[in-house]
Structure formats: C-alpha cells, structure tokens
C-alpha cells in the first residue's frame, strides 16, 4: 500500500495499515455492494471474494481472463482500493484464515444459544463494572461541547456507530462517521482542540492502525476498547474500558454487542443531561 506506516498488530502480520485501508475483505465487500452487477469493478470484486481462500495462488493473467479485463484493468482496480498492484493485494491472503477463525470460532460452541446468552450477560455485567455513570456523563459532556465529532470505527463495528449517529440527530447533534469503507481521512487533520474523535476498537487493532493519522489531529481523542496496552492507552485523552481482560485474536460479544450497549448507555446519559431541556 502507498505511504503507510508499518504496524504490527496482535494476530496480524506486520502490515501497512490505515484508517481507510484496514481490511481487504471489507474493501472488496464495499465495492461489491456499491456497484451494479456487470460493472467491471463488481465483477473483479466478486471474483476476489469467491477466490479469497486461494488468493495467494492466483495468477494475474487468469484473473484478467476470468473477469473479462486486462492486466492493467486489474492493476487499476487494486490501486482504487489502496494497493500498489496485484502482488500487494495478494499479500493480504492471510486475512482469509484470520477472519475465518474469528467468525467460525465465535459460533463453534455446543449449545451455542446458552453459551451466547451467558456471554452477553457476563459482558453487560463487565461493562457496567468497568464504565461508571461518571464516565458516561463525561463522554456525553464532551460530545455536547465539541464543535465537531467524528466516530472512527472499522466496518466490523460500524453498525453500532451508525445507529448512534441516527439517534443523535434527534438531539440536534450530528457526529460524522469514518470507517475503512467510507469517509475522508482529511477530515481528521482539519479538526481542532475544540473537536472530538471517538475511536471504537474492541481489540485495539483499528486504534493502532489509526494512530498515524490521529497524531496529526489536535482534537480530543477518546478510545472505546477491551485492549489494556498502556502504550495505546497513553495515546488517548480518555479510555472507556469494556472488560478487565484483553480480548484480541478472537471475535467476542464485546465487539458484536458490547459496542452497541455502550452507545445505548451514552445516548441515555446524553438525553438525560441535554435532551430534556
């Protein structure tokens, strides 16, 4: 990838990652979902998704033939989603095995319904213990006082922040969302000391990938995470810790349900403080 700082994340090979180029899988799905069937970009994205498991074995000549395009067409597609060339895209073949472990391992439990119910209950109790009402009031105040608010999250956590954005419209506050699928990185650099960036990164990996861009912003930085690494925590002005334990290298209820739960609590506190006036 172009102009990216080398970052080593837990469970990931050392890679050049950023806010907008965090996951090849997400990038391909974004193209697939946002283009019409028959569109050359849709065709190429679908081909890579269908052959993701064997991505490192693909030959550019075969890909071009199967997608009814040229080698230069494949290169242009790769560059359009942030890669220098086809070889750089193939270097992300490791994602298949990593995310396969995340998604299949998450549900691979006997009596999954009982397991999931128990895990969600434990997660809620943990969040309630880790995040006080004072913490929630403070974040609600920061959101209220900020001139501009950006919610920074990977696509894996974006559903929760999109719902929060919609709900905040009725509080006459409209946070902006920036994920690896949409939004402009330049908006981060334009933010000043009176603005607020909330980074949602359950494992801490997306927060680390975003550090390079965030370091160029003067805005207040808040992190919502389960990661307890002191180096990461010291980078942020405030941290809402979801769990007393680190959770990385696995998909957990904290990432899937915990983020939504926290934003429900934040919204409630915002409404209690400012919505009844």
C-alpha atoms as a PDB file:
ATOM      1  CA  UNK A   1       0.000   0.000   0.000  1.00  0.00           C
ATOM      2  CA  UNK A   2       1.054   3.580  -0.539  1.00  0.00           C
ATOM      3  CA  UNK A   3       2.539   5.896   2.083  1.00  0.00           C
ATOM      4  CA  UNK A   4       1.540   3.757   5.038  1.00  0.00           C
ATOM      5  CA  UNK A   5       3.401   3.303   8.284  1.00  0.00           C
ATOM      6  CA  UNK A   6       4.361  -0.303   9.088  1.00  0.00           C
ATOM      7  CA  UNK A   7       2.238  -1.510  12.004  1.00  0.00           C
ATOM      8  CA  UNK A   8       2.318  -4.830  13.837  1.00  0.00           C
ATOM      9  CA  UNK A   9      -0.983  -5.873  15.384  1.00  0.00           C
ATOM     10  CA  UNK A  10      -1.839  -8.822  17.594  1.00  0.00           C
ATOM     11  CA  UNK A  11      -2.866 -11.723  15.378  1.00  0.00           C
ATOM     12  CA  UNK A  12      -1.897  -9.888  12.180  1.00  0.00           C
ATOM     13  CA  UNK A  13       1.348  -9.948  10.178  1.00  0.00           C
ATOM     14  CA  UNK A  14       3.295  -6.652  10.107  1.00  0.00           C
ATOM     15  CA  UNK A  15       1.441  -4.593   7.507  1.00  0.00           C
ATOM     16  CA  UNK A  16       0.961  -1.056   6.292  1.00  0.00           C
ATOM     17  CA  UNK A  17      -2.481  -0.212   7.632  1.00  0.00           C
ATOM     18  CA  UNK A  18      -4.515   2.941   7.974  1.00  0.00           C
ATOM     19  CA  UNK A  19      -7.971   4.235   8.778  1.00  0.00           C
ATOM     20  CA  UNK A  20      -9.228   3.646   5.230  1.00  0.00           C
ATOM     21  CA  UNK A  21      -7.199   0.548   4.363  1.00  0.00           C
ATOM     22  CA  UNK A  22      -7.665  -1.766   7.314  1.00  0.00           C
ATOM     23  CA  UNK A  23      -9.190  -4.869   5.740  1.00  0.00           C
ATOM     24  CA  UNK A  24      -9.081  -6.195   2.183  1.00  0.00           C
ATOM     25  CA  UNK A  25     -12.242  -8.187   2.872  1.00  0.00           C
ATOM     26  CA  UNK A  26     -14.133  -5.035   3.844  1.00  0.00           C
ATOM     27  CA  UNK A  27     -12.794  -3.134   0.834  1.00  0.00           C
ATOM     28  CA  UNK A  28     -13.892  -5.868  -1.577  1.00  0.00           C
ATOM     29  CA  UNK A  29     -17.330  -6.142   0.035  1.00  0.00           C
ATOM     30  CA  UNK A  30     -17.752  -2.365  -0.184  1.00  0.00           C
ATOM     31  CA  UNK A  31     -17.063  -2.414  -3.936  1.00  0.00           C
ATOM     32  CA  UNK A  32     -19.292  -5.463  -4.409  1.00  0.00           C
ATOM     33  CA  UNK A  33     -22.191  -3.867  -2.502  1.00  0.00           C
ATOM     34  CA  UNK A  34     -21.890  -0.419  -4.077  1.00  0.00           C
ATOM     35  CA  UNK A  35     -21.609  -1.347  -7.777  1.00  0.00           C
ATOM     36  CA  UNK A  36     -24.075  -2.833 -10.229  1.00  0.00           C
ATOM     37  CA  UNK A  37     -23.857  -6.453 -11.432  1.00  0.00           C
ATOM     38  CA  UNK A  38     -21.937  -6.490 -14.687  1.00  0.00           C
ATOM     39  CA  UNK A  39     -19.902  -3.440 -13.747  1.00  0.00           C
ATOM     40  CA  UNK A  40     -16.198  -4.337 -14.231  1.00  0.00           C
ATOM     41  CA  UNK A  41     -15.372  -3.392 -10.622  1.00  0.00           C
ATOM     42  CA  UNK A  42     -18.251  -5.522  -9.350  1.00  0.00           C
ATOM     43  CA  UNK A  43     -17.042  -8.466 -11.416  1.00  0.00           C
ATOM     44  CA  UNK A  44     -13.464  -8.185 -10.147  1.00  0.00           C
ATOM     45  CA  UNK A  45     -14.529  -7.706  -6.519  1.00  0.00           C
ATOM     46  CA  UNK A  46     -16.821 -10.732  -6.698  1.00  0.00           C
ATOM     47  CA  UNK A  47     -14.072 -12.844  -8.248  1.00  0.00           C
ATOM     48  CA  UNK A  48     -11.598 -11.968  -5.481  1.00  0.00           C
ATOM     49  CA  UNK A  49     -14.228 -12.643  -2.799  1.00  0.00           C
ATOM     50  CA  UNK A  50     -15.122 -16.012  -4.298  1.00  0.00           C
ATOM     51  CA  UNK A  51     -11.427 -16.962  -4.549  1.00  0.00           C
ATOM     52  CA  UNK A  52     -10.260 -15.294  -1.331  1.00  0.00           C
ATOM     53  CA  UNK A  53      -9.340 -18.659   0.198  1.00  0.00           C
ATOM     54  CA  UNK A  54      -6.743 -19.201  -2.536  1.00  0.00           C
ATOM     55  CA  UNK A  55      -5.880 -15.570  -3.201  1.00  0.00           C
ATOM     56  CA  UNK A  56      -2.130 -16.114  -2.889  1.00  0.00           C
ATOM     57  CA  UNK A  57      -2.258 -18.726  -5.666  1.00  0.00           C
ATOM     58  CA  UNK A  58      -3.993 -16.544  -8.244  1.00  0.00           C
ATOM     59  CA  UNK A  59      -2.266 -15.519 -11.457  1.00  0.00           C
ATOM     60  CA  UNK A  60      -2.958 -12.060 -12.855  1.00  0.00           C
ATOM     61  CA  UNK A  61      -3.356 -13.443 -16.387  1.00  0.00           C
ATOM     62  CA  UNK A  62      -6.031 -15.895 -15.250  1.00  0.00           C
ATOM     63  CA  UNK A  63      -7.806 -13.235 -13.168  1.00  0.00           C
ATOM     64  CA  UNK A  64      -7.877 -10.833 -16.116  1.00  0.00           C
ATOM     65  CA  UNK A  65      -9.295 -13.543 -18.409  1.00  0.00           C
ATOM     66  CA  UNK A  66     -11.942 -14.644 -15.893  1.00  0.00           C
ATOM     67  CA  UNK A  67     -13.016 -11.042 -15.267  1.00  0.00           C
ATOM     68  CA  UNK A  68     -13.053 -10.045 -18.947  1.00  0.00           C
ATOM     69  CA  UNK A  69     -10.475  -7.324 -18.464  1.00  0.00           C
ATOM     70  CA  UNK A  70      -6.757  -6.691 -18.907  1.00  0.00           C
ATOM     71  CA  UNK A  71      -3.805  -6.850 -16.535  1.00  0.00           C
ATOM     72  CA  UNK A  72      -3.847  -3.065 -16.420  1.00  0.00           C
ATOM     73  CA  UNK A  73      -7.539  -3.256 -15.500  1.00  0.00           C
ATOM     74  CA  UNK A  74      -6.683  -5.498 -12.556  1.00  0.00           C
ATOM     75  CA  UNK A  75      -3.901  -3.129 -11.518  1.00  0.00           C
ATOM     76  CA  UNK A  76      -6.243  -0.134 -11.670  1.00  0.00           C
ATOM     77  CA  UNK A  77      -8.765  -1.978  -9.512  1.00  0.00           C
ATOM     78  CA  UNK A  78      -6.103  -2.814  -6.936  1.00  0.00           C
ATOM     79  CA  UNK A  79      -4.979   0.814  -6.847  1.00  0.00           C
ATOM     80  CA  UNK A  80      -8.568   2.023  -6.477  1.00  0.00           C
ATOM     81  CA  UNK A  81      -8.831   0.205  -3.137  1.00  0.00           C
ATOM     82  CA  UNK A  82      -5.410   1.306  -1.907  1.00  0.00           C
ATOM     83  CA  UNK A  83      -2.905  -1.245  -3.176  1.00  0.00           C
ATOM     84  CA  UNK A  84       0.079  -0.547  -5.403  1.00  0.00           C
ATOM     85  CA  UNK A  85      -0.517  -3.603  -7.563  1.00  0.00           C
ATOM     86  CA  UNK A  86      -1.894  -7.137  -7.743  1.00  0.00           C
ATOM     87  CA  UNK A  87       1.031  -8.597  -5.784  1.00  0.00           C
ATOM     88  CA  UNK A  88       0.366  -6.207  -2.896  1.00  0.00           C
ATOM     89  CA  UNK A  89      -3.269  -7.278  -2.840  1.00  0.00           C
ATOM     90  CA  UNK A  90      -2.273 -10.964  -2.843  1.00  0.00           C
ATOM     91  CA  UNK A  91      -0.119 -10.308   0.223  1.00  0.00           C
ATOM     92  CA  UNK A  92      -3.379  -9.963   2.203  1.00  0.00           C
ATOM     93  CA  UNK A  93      -4.282 -13.619   1.613  1.00  0.00           C
ATOM     94  CA  UNK A  94      -3.665 -14.195   5.347  1.00  0.00           C
ATOM     95  CA  UNK A  95      -6.957 -12.369   6.042  1.00  0.00           C
ATOM     96  CA  UNK A  96      -8.990 -15.378   4.940  1.00  0.00           C
ATOM     97  CA  UNK A  97      -7.578 -17.654   7.623  1.00  0.00           C
ATOM     98  CA  UNK A  98      -7.620 -14.959  10.315  1.00  0.00           C
ATOM     99  CA  UNK A  99     -11.225 -13.905   9.747  1.00  0.00           C
ATOM    100  CA  UNK A 100     -12.320 -17.492   9.210  1.00  0.00           C
ATOM    101  CA  UNK A 101     -11.056 -18.216  12.707  1.00  0.00           C
ATOM    102  CA  UNK A 102     -12.835 -15.112  14.038  1.00  0.00           C
ATOM    103  CA  UNK A 103     -16.251 -15.823  12.546  1.00  0.00           C
ATOM    104  CA  UNK A 104     -16.384 -19.619  12.731  1.00  0.00           C
ATOM    105  CA  UNK A 105     -14.699 -19.769  16.133  1.00  0.00           C
ATOM    106  CA  UNK A 106     -17.235 -17.296  17.502  1.00  0.00           C
ATOM    107  CA  UNK A 107     -20.149 -19.695  16.914  1.00  0.00           C
ATOM    108  CA  UNK A 108     -18.283 -23.002  17.254  1.00  0.00           C
ATOM    109  CA  UNK A 109     -19.703 -23.949  20.662  1.00  0.00           C
ATOM    110  CA  UNK A 110     -22.006 -26.721  21.720  1.00  0.00           C
ATOM    111  CA  UNK A 111     -25.331 -25.313  22.978  1.00  0.00           C
ATOM    112  CA  UNK A 112     -24.439 -22.027  21.321  1.00  0.00           C
ATOM    113  CA  UNK A 113     -27.681 -20.331  22.357  1.00  0.00           C
ATOM    114  CA  UNK A 114     -26.939 -20.929  26.036  1.00  0.00           C
ATOM    115  CA  UNK A 115     -23.271 -20.010  25.550  1.00  0.00           C
ATOM    116  CA  UNK A 116     -24.141 -16.757  23.800  1.00  0.00           C
ATOM    117  CA  UNK A 117     -26.754 -15.795  26.390  1.00  0.00           C
ATOM    118  CA  UNK A 118     -24.249 -16.396  29.158  1.00  0.00           C
ATOM    119  CA  UNK A 119     -21.506 -14.429  27.405  1.00  0.00           C
ATOM    120  CA  UNK A 120     -23.802 -11.468  26.760  1.00  0.00           C
ATOM    121  CA  UNK A 121     -24.842 -11.427  30.406  1.00  0.00           C
ATOM    122  CA  UNK A 122     -21.214 -11.513  31.526  1.00  0.00           C
ATOM    123  CA  UNK A 123     -20.335  -8.769  29.053  1.00  0.00           C
ATOM    124  CA  UNK A 124     -23.083  -6.459  30.316  1.00  0.00           C
ATOM    125  CA  UNK A 125     -22.008  -7.004  33.914  1.00  0.00           C
ATOM    126  CA  UNK A 126     -18.395  -6.326  32.958  1.00  0.00           C
ATOM    127  CA  UNK A 127     -19.211  -3.109  31.093  1.00  0.00           C
ATOM    128  CA  UNK A 128     -21.341  -1.896  33.984  1.00  0.00           C
ATOM    129  CA  UNK A 129     -18.449  -2.553  36.359  1.00  0.00           C
ATOM    130  CA  UNK A 130     -15.755  -1.015  34.163  1.00  0.00           C
ATOM    131  CA  UNK A 131     -17.610   2.110  32.986  1.00  0.00           C
ATOM    132  CA  UNK A 132     -19.151   4.298  35.673  1.00  0.00           C
ATOM    133  CA  UNK A 133     -22.019   6.745  35.362  1.00  0.00           C
ATOM    134  CA  UNK A 134     -19.427   9.485  35.782  1.00  0.00           C
ATOM    135  CA  UNK A 135     -17.537   8.141  32.759  1.00  0.00           C
ATOM    136  CA  UNK A 136     -20.718   8.168  30.687  1.00  0.00           C
ATOM    137  CA  UNK A 137     -21.628  11.678  31.849  1.00  0.00           C
ATOM    138  CA  UNK A 138     -18.140  12.900  30.946  1.00  0.00           C
ATOM    139  CA  UNK A 139     -18.341  11.450  27.438  1.00  0.00           C
ATOM    140  CA  UNK A 140     -21.830  12.882  26.947  1.00  0.00           C
ATOM    141  CA  UNK A 141     -20.479  16.282  28.003  1.00  0.00           C
ATOM    142  CA  UNK A 142     -17.548  16.009  25.594  1.00  0.00           C
ATOM    143  CA  UNK A 143     -19.893  15.171  22.736  1.00  0.00           C
ATOM    144  CA  UNK A 144     -22.183  18.055  23.622  1.00  0.00           C
ATOM    145  CA  UNK A 145     -19.380  20.617  23.933  1.00  0.00           C
ATOM    146  CA  UNK A 146     -17.426  19.546  20.852  1.00  0.00           C
ATOM    147  CA  UNK A 147     -17.718  21.667  17.754  1.00  0.00           C
ATOM    148  CA  UNK A 148     -17.316  18.590  15.569  1.00  0.00           C
ATOM    149  CA  UNK A 149     -17.464  14.892  16.476  1.00  0.00           C
ATOM    150  CA  UNK A 150     -16.034  12.039  14.420  1.00  0.00           C
ATOM    151  CA  UNK A 151     -16.810   8.397  15.237  1.00  0.00           C
ATOM    152  CA  UNK A 152     -13.889   6.348  13.944  1.00  0.00           C
ATOM    153  CA  UNK A 153     -14.507   2.611  13.581  1.00  0.00           C
ATOM    154  CA  UNK A 154     -13.709  -0.313  11.345  1.00  0.00           C
ATOM    155  CA  UNK A 155     -16.537  -1.773   9.313  1.00  0.00           C
ATOM    156  CA  UNK A 156     -16.719  -4.585  11.870  1.00  0.00           C
ATOM    157  CA  UNK A 157     -18.041  -2.083  14.441  1.00  0.00           C
ATOM    158  CA  UNK A 158     -19.776   0.365  12.142  1.00  0.00           C
ATOM    159  CA  UNK A 159     -23.374  -0.763  12.675  1.00  0.00           C
ATOM    160  CA  UNK A 160     -23.392   0.418  16.281  1.00  0.00           C
ATOM    161  CA  UNK A 161     -21.990   3.843  15.432  1.00  0.00           C
ATOM    162  CA  UNK A 162     -24.401   4.307  12.522  1.00  0.00           C
ATOM    163  CA  UNK A 163     -27.338   3.732  14.852  1.00  0.00           C
ATOM    164  CA  UNK A 164     -25.821   6.163  17.342  1.00  0.00           C
ATOM    165  CA  UNK A 165     -25.401   8.756  14.588  1.00  0.00           C
ATOM    166  CA  UNK A 166     -29.064   8.401  13.650  1.00  0.00           C
ATOM    167  CA  UNK A 167     -30.210   8.710  17.267  1.00  0.00           C
ATOM    168  CA  UNK A 168     -28.070  11.814  17.849  1.00  0.00           C
ATOM    169  CA  UNK A 169     -29.894  13.611  15.049  1.00  0.00           C
ATOM    170  CA  UNK A 170     -32.824  13.952  17.453  1.00  0.00           C
ATOM    171  CA  UNK A 171     -30.510  15.567  19.986  1.00  0.00           C
ATOM    172  CA  UNK A 172     -29.588  18.136  17.306  1.00  0.00           C
ATOM    173  CA  UNK A 173     -26.036  16.812  17.159  1.00  0.00           C
ATOM    174  CA  UNK A 174     -24.718  15.045  14.067  1.00  0.00           C
ATOM    175  CA  UNK A 175     -21.474  13.104  14.533  1.00  0.00           C
ATOM    176  CA  UNK A 176     -19.570  12.197  11.390  1.00  0.00           C
ATOM    177  CA  UNK A 177     -18.586   8.564  10.793  1.00  0.00           C
ATOM    178  CA  UNK A 178     -15.284   7.456   9.290  1.00  0.00           C
ATOM    179  CA  UNK A 179     -14.651   3.773   8.599  1.00  0.00           C
ATOM    180  CA  UNK A 180     -12.455   1.761   6.268  1.00  0.00           C
ATOM    181  CA  UNK A 181     -15.312   1.843   3.727  1.00  0.00           C
ATOM    182  CA  UNK A 182     -16.341   5.489   3.672  1.00  0.00           C
ATOM    183  CA  UNK A 183     -15.424   8.948   4.868  1.00  0.00           C
ATOM    184  CA  UNK A 184     -12.379  11.146   4.284  1.00  0.00           C
ATOM    185  CA  UNK A 185      -9.149  10.881   6.265  1.00  0.00           C
ATOM    186  CA  UNK A 186      -8.569  14.581   5.595  1.00  0.00           C
ATOM    187  CA  UNK A 187     -11.421  15.395   7.972  1.00  0.00           C
ATOM    188  CA  UNK A 188      -9.252  14.155  10.851  1.00  0.00           C
ATOM    189  CA  UNK A 189      -6.430  16.588  10.103  1.00  0.00           C
ATOM    190  CA  UNK A 190      -8.812  19.554   9.917  1.00  0.00           C
ATOM    191  CA  UNK A 191     -10.102  19.066  13.461  1.00  0.00           C
ATOM    192  CA  UNK A 192      -9.033  21.448  16.220  1.00  0.00           C
ATOM    193  CA  UNK A 193      -8.754  21.385  20.034  1.00  0.00           C
ATOM    194  CA  UNK A 194     -12.484  22.011  20.456  1.00  0.00           C
ATOM    195  CA  UNK A 195     -13.377  18.907  18.404  1.00  0.00           C
ATOM    196  CA  UNK A 196     -13.712  15.266  19.450  1.00  0.00           C
ATOM    197  CA  UNK A 197     -12.667  11.948  17.900  1.00  0.00           C
ATOM    198  CA  UNK A 198     -14.136   8.765  19.403  1.00  0.00           C
ATOM    199  CA  UNK A 199     -12.288   5.643  18.269  1.00  0.00           C
ATOM    200  CA  UNK A 200     -14.193   2.358  18.560  1.00  0.00           C
ATOM    201  CA  UNK A 201     -11.735  -0.527  18.533  1.00  0.00           C
ATOM    202  CA  UNK A 202     -12.719  -3.561  20.600  1.00  0.00           C
ATOM    203  CA  UNK A 203      -9.396  -5.366  20.139  1.00  0.00           C
ATOM    204  CA  UNK A 204      -7.291  -2.214  19.791  1.00  0.00           C
ATOM    205  CA  UNK A 205      -6.101  -3.150  16.305  1.00  0.00           C
ATOM    206  CA  UNK A 206      -8.030  -0.449  14.463  1.00  0.00           C
ATOM    207  CA  UNK A 207      -6.937   2.145  17.030  1.00  0.00           C
ATOM    208  CA  UNK A 208      -3.301   1.256  16.362  1.00  0.00           C
ATOM    209  CA  UNK A 209      -3.835   1.427  12.606  1.00  0.00           C
ATOM    210  CA  UNK A 210      -5.350   4.897  13.066  1.00  0.00           C
ATOM    211  CA  UNK A 211      -2.606   6.324  15.286  1.00  0.00           C
ATOM    212  CA  UNK A 212      -0.564   7.802  12.464  1.00  0.00           C
ATOM    213  CA  UNK A 213      -3.491   9.881  11.196  1.00  0.00           C
ATOM    214  CA  UNK A 214      -4.738  10.726  14.692  1.00  0.00           C
ATOM    215  CA  UNK A 215      -1.337  12.048  15.733  1.00  0.00           C
ATOM    216  CA  UNK A 216      -1.751  14.843  13.168  1.00  0.00           C
ATOM    217  CA  UNK A 217      -5.046  15.982  14.681  1.00  0.00           C
ATOM    218  CA  UNK A 218      -5.388  18.469  17.553  1.00  0.00           C
ATOM    219  CA  UNK A 219      -8.792  17.103  18.581  1.00  0.00           C
ATOM    220  CA  UNK A 220      -9.544  15.409  21.899  1.00  0.00           C
ATOM    221  CA  UNK A 221      -9.201  11.631  21.473  1.00  0.00           C
ATOM    222  CA  UNK A 222     -11.362   9.039  23.271  1.00  0.00           C
ATOM    223  CA  UNK A 223     -10.967   5.267  22.878  1.00  0.00           C
ATOM    224  CA  UNK A 224     -13.589   2.567  23.492  1.00  0.00           C
ATOM    225  CA  UNK A 225     -11.850  -0.820  23.706  1.00  0.00           C
ATOM    226  CA  UNK A 226     -11.038  -4.022  25.566  1.00  0.00           C
ATOM    227  CA  UNK A 227      -7.315  -3.551  24.931  1.00  0.00           C
ATOM    228  CA  UNK A 228      -5.360  -2.747  28.093  1.00  0.00           C
ATOM    229  CA  UNK A 229      -1.999  -1.993  26.491  1.00  0.00           C
ATOM    230  CA  UNK A 230      -0.507   1.034  28.276  1.00  0.00           C
ATOM    231  CA  UNK A 231       1.203   2.341  25.141  1.00  0.00           C
ATOM    232  CA  UNK A 232      -2.130   2.528  23.357  1.00  0.00           C
ATOM    233  CA  UNK A 233      -3.937   3.951  26.367  1.00  0.00           C
ATOM    234  CA  UNK A 234      -1.367   6.710  26.830  1.00  0.00           C
ATOM    235  CA  UNK A 235      -2.009   7.927  23.288  1.00  0.00           C
ATOM    236  CA  UNK A 236      -5.631   8.831  24.095  1.00  0.00           C
ATOM    237  CA  UNK A 237      -7.014  11.559  26.331  1.00  0.00           C
ATOM    238  CA  UNK A 238      -9.608   9.184  27.796  1.00  0.00           C
ATOM    239  CA  UNK A 239     -10.357   5.462  27.533  1.00  0.00           C
ATOM    240  CA  UNK A 240     -13.591   3.595  28.181  1.00  0.00           C
ATOM    241  CA  UNK A 241     -12.518   0.067  29.050  1.00  0.00           C
ATOM    242  CA  UNK A 242     -15.162  -2.578  28.342  1.00  0.00           C
ATOM    243  CA  UNK A 243     -13.520  -5.509  30.090  1.00  0.00           C
ATOM    244  CA  UNK A 244     -10.941  -6.215  32.793  1.00  0.00           C
ATOM    245  CA  UNK A 245      -9.261  -8.615  30.337  1.00  0.00           C
ATOM    246  CA  UNK A 246      -7.628  -8.179  26.946  1.00  0.00           C
ATOM    247  CA  UNK A 247      -9.633  -9.611  24.040  1.00  0.00           C
ATOM    248  CA  UNK A 248      -7.733  -9.811  20.781  1.00  0.00           C
ATOM    249  CA  UNK A 249      -7.161 -12.504  18.213  1.00  0.00           C
ATOM    250  CA  UNK A 250     -10.781 -13.600  18.646  1.00  0.00           C
ATOM    251  CA  UNK A 251     -14.291 -12.388  17.923  1.00  0.00           C
ATOM    252  CA  UNK A 252     -16.174 -11.676  21.129  1.00  0.00           C
ATOM    253  CA  UNK A 253     -19.526 -10.387  22.334  1.00  0.00           C
ATOM    254  CA  UNK A 254     -17.739  -7.176  23.313  1.00  0.00           C
ATOM    255  CA  UNK A 255     -17.142  -6.368  19.650  1.00  0.00           C
ATOM    256  CA  UNK A 256     -20.549  -7.537  18.427  1.00  0.00           C
ATOM    257  CA  UNK A 257     -22.880  -6.458  21.249  1.00  0.00           C
ATOM    258  CA  UNK A 258     -20.744  -4.525  23.736  1.00  0.00           C
ATOM    259  CA  UNK A 259     -20.200  -1.509  21.471  1.00  0.00           C
ATOM    260  CA  UNK A 260     -23.945  -1.200  20.861  1.00  0.00           C
ATOM    261  CA  UNK A 261     -24.618  -1.493  24.590  1.00  0.00           C
ATOM    262  CA  UNK A 262     -22.103   1.229  25.441  1.00  0.00           C
ATOM    263  CA  UNK A 263     -23.542   3.638  22.873  1.00  0.00           C
ATOM    264  CA  UNK A 264     -27.043   2.980  24.200  1.00  0.00           C
ATOM    265  CA  UNK A 265     -25.771   3.998  27.631  1.00  0.00           C
ATOM    266  CA  UNK A 266     -24.020   7.080  26.248  1.00  0.00           C
ATOM    267  CA  UNK A 267     -27.168   8.121  24.397  1.00  0.00           C
ATOM    268  CA  UNK A 268     -29.265   7.721  27.540  1.00  0.00           C
ATOM    269  CA  UNK A 269     -26.869   9.893  29.535  1.00  0.00           C
ATOM    270  CA  UNK A 270     -26.780  12.482  26.755  1.00  0.00           C
ATOM    271  CA  UNK A 271     -30.571  12.602  26.695  1.00  0.00           C
ATOM    272  CA  UNK A 272     -30.803  12.902  30.483  1.00  0.00           C
ATOM    273  CA  UNK A 273     -28.293  15.767  30.519  1.00  0.00           C
ATOM    274  CA  UNK A 274     -29.275  17.677  27.404  1.00  0.00           C
ATOM    275  CA  UNK A 275     -32.355  16.217  25.728  1.00  0.00           C
ATOM    276  CA  UNK A 276     -34.931  17.225  28.316  1.00  0.00           C
ATOM    277  CA  UNK A 277     -34.161  20.936  28.169  1.00  0.00           C
END
